[in-house]
Amino acid sequence: DDKFGAPGIDAIQNNGFPTSPIMATLLDGTKIYVGGEFNSAGNNIALWDTQTGQWKQMGTGTNGVVNVLRKWKDYIVVGGKFTLA
């Protein structure tokens, strides 16, 4: 949906196949978290707030690729190939 996409987050064509920098998603109420390898909406992790219709950066992000997002109690747990978050 063009309302959800953002430059650097959208899937692109690579040798005729769509590829995406998004590697993980997490739905939490009205919020959608995405992780991967991008820096346009945030540094490898971003939040789409369905109430405001905008991307929000999560803190300073990570210094590497985000591969997994999970909710644990009131926390969002992030895993991947990074050393700072």
Protein backbone atom coordinates (compact mmCIF):
# COMPACT_ATOMS: atom_id res chain seq x y z
CA ASP A 1 0.00 0.00 0.00
CA ASP A 2 1.46 3.36 -0.96
CA LYS A 3 0.34 4.84 2.38
CA PHE A 4 2.49 2.34 4.29
CA GLY A 5 5.66 2.36 2.18
CA ALA A 6 8.62 4.69 2.44
CA PRO A 7 11.76 5.19 0.37
CA GLY A 8 14.27 2.55 1.44
CA ILE A 9 11.58 0.38 3.05
CA ASP A 10 9.60 -0.56 -0.06
CA ALA A 11 10.38 -3.75 -1.95
CA ILE A 12 12.50 -3.19 -5.05
CA GLN A 13 13.10 -5.30 -8.14
CA ASN A 14 16.36 -7.25 -8.15
CA ASN A 15 16.96 -9.33 -11.28
CA GLY A 16 13.21 -9.44 -11.85
CA PHE A 17 12.38 -10.55 -8.30
CA PRO A 18 11.07 -8.28 -5.54
CA THR A 19 13.44 -7.91 -2.61
CA SER A 20 12.96 -5.93 0.54
CA PRO A 21 15.26 -4.52 3.20
CA ILE A 22 12.62 -5.63 5.76
CA MET A 23 13.56 -8.84 7.55
CA ALA A 24 11.30 -8.75 10.62
CA THR A 25 7.86 -7.41 11.52
CA LEU A 26 5.90 -7.22 14.75
CA LEU A 27 2.30 -6.12 15.22
CA ASP A 28 1.49 -4.64 18.64
CA GLY A 29 -1.98 -3.11 18.87
CA THR A 30 -2.02 -0.06 16.58
CA LYS A 31 1.75 -0.16 16.03
CA ILE A 32 3.76 -2.07 13.45
CA TYR A 33 7.48 -2.51 14.08
CA VAL A 34 9.81 -3.35 11.20
CA GLY A 35 13.44 -4.36 11.30
CA GLY A 36 16.02 -5.08 8.66
CA GLU A 37 18.73 -3.20 6.84
CA PHE A 38 17.64 0.35 6.06
CA ASN A 39 18.20 3.90 7.26
CA SER A 40 15.47 6.00 5.68
CA ALA A 41 12.77 5.48 8.34
CA GLY A 42 15.20 4.70 11.17
CA ASN A 43 18.51 2.95 11.63
CA ASN A 44 17.48 -0.64 10.84
CA ILE A 45 14.39 -0.50 13.07
CA ALA A 46 11.30 1.69 12.77
CA LEU A 47 7.75 1.98 14.00
CA TRP A 48 4.70 2.62 11.82
CA ASP A 49 2.04 4.24 13.99
CA THR A 50 -1.34 3.53 12.42
CA GLN A 51 -2.96 6.30 14.47
CA THR A 52 -0.66 9.03 13.10
CA GLY A 53 0.14 7.38 9.75
CA GLN A 54 3.84 8.10 10.14
CA TRP A 55 7.15 6.28 10.52
CA LYS A 56 8.98 6.87 13.79
CA GLN A 57 12.59 6.08 14.50
CA MET A 58 13.16 3.92 17.58
CA GLY A 59 15.84 5.64 19.65
CA THR A 60 19.08 5.70 17.70
CA GLY A 61 18.33 2.34 16.07
CA THR A 62 21.04 -0.29 15.70
CA ASN A 63 24.46 -0.34 14.08
CA GLY A 64 23.66 -3.46 12.06
CA VAL A 65 20.95 -5.67 10.60
CA VAL A 66 17.82 -6.51 12.61
CA ASN A 67 16.61 -10.07 11.93
CA VAL A 68 13.96 -10.68 14.60
CA LEU A 69 11.45 -8.68 16.67
CA ARG A 70 9.46 -10.13 19.55
CA LYS A 71 7.32 -8.74 22.32
CA TRP A 72 8.13 -9.85 25.87
CA LYS A 73 5.97 -8.36 28.63
CA ASP A 74 6.12 -4.58 27.94
CA TYR A 75 9.38 -4.80 25.97
CA ILE A 76 10.25 -5.11 22.30
CA VAL A 77 13.16 -7.54 22.01
CA VAL A 78 15.42 -7.09 18.99
CA GLY A 79 17.88 -9.63 17.60
CA GLY A 80 20.29 -9.53 14.72
CA LYS A 81 23.83 -8.74 13.60
CA PHE A 82 24.59 -5.60 15.58
CA THR A 83 26.63 -4.54 18.61
CA LEU A 84 24.81 -1.32 19.59
CA ALA A 85 21.10 -0.65 20.00
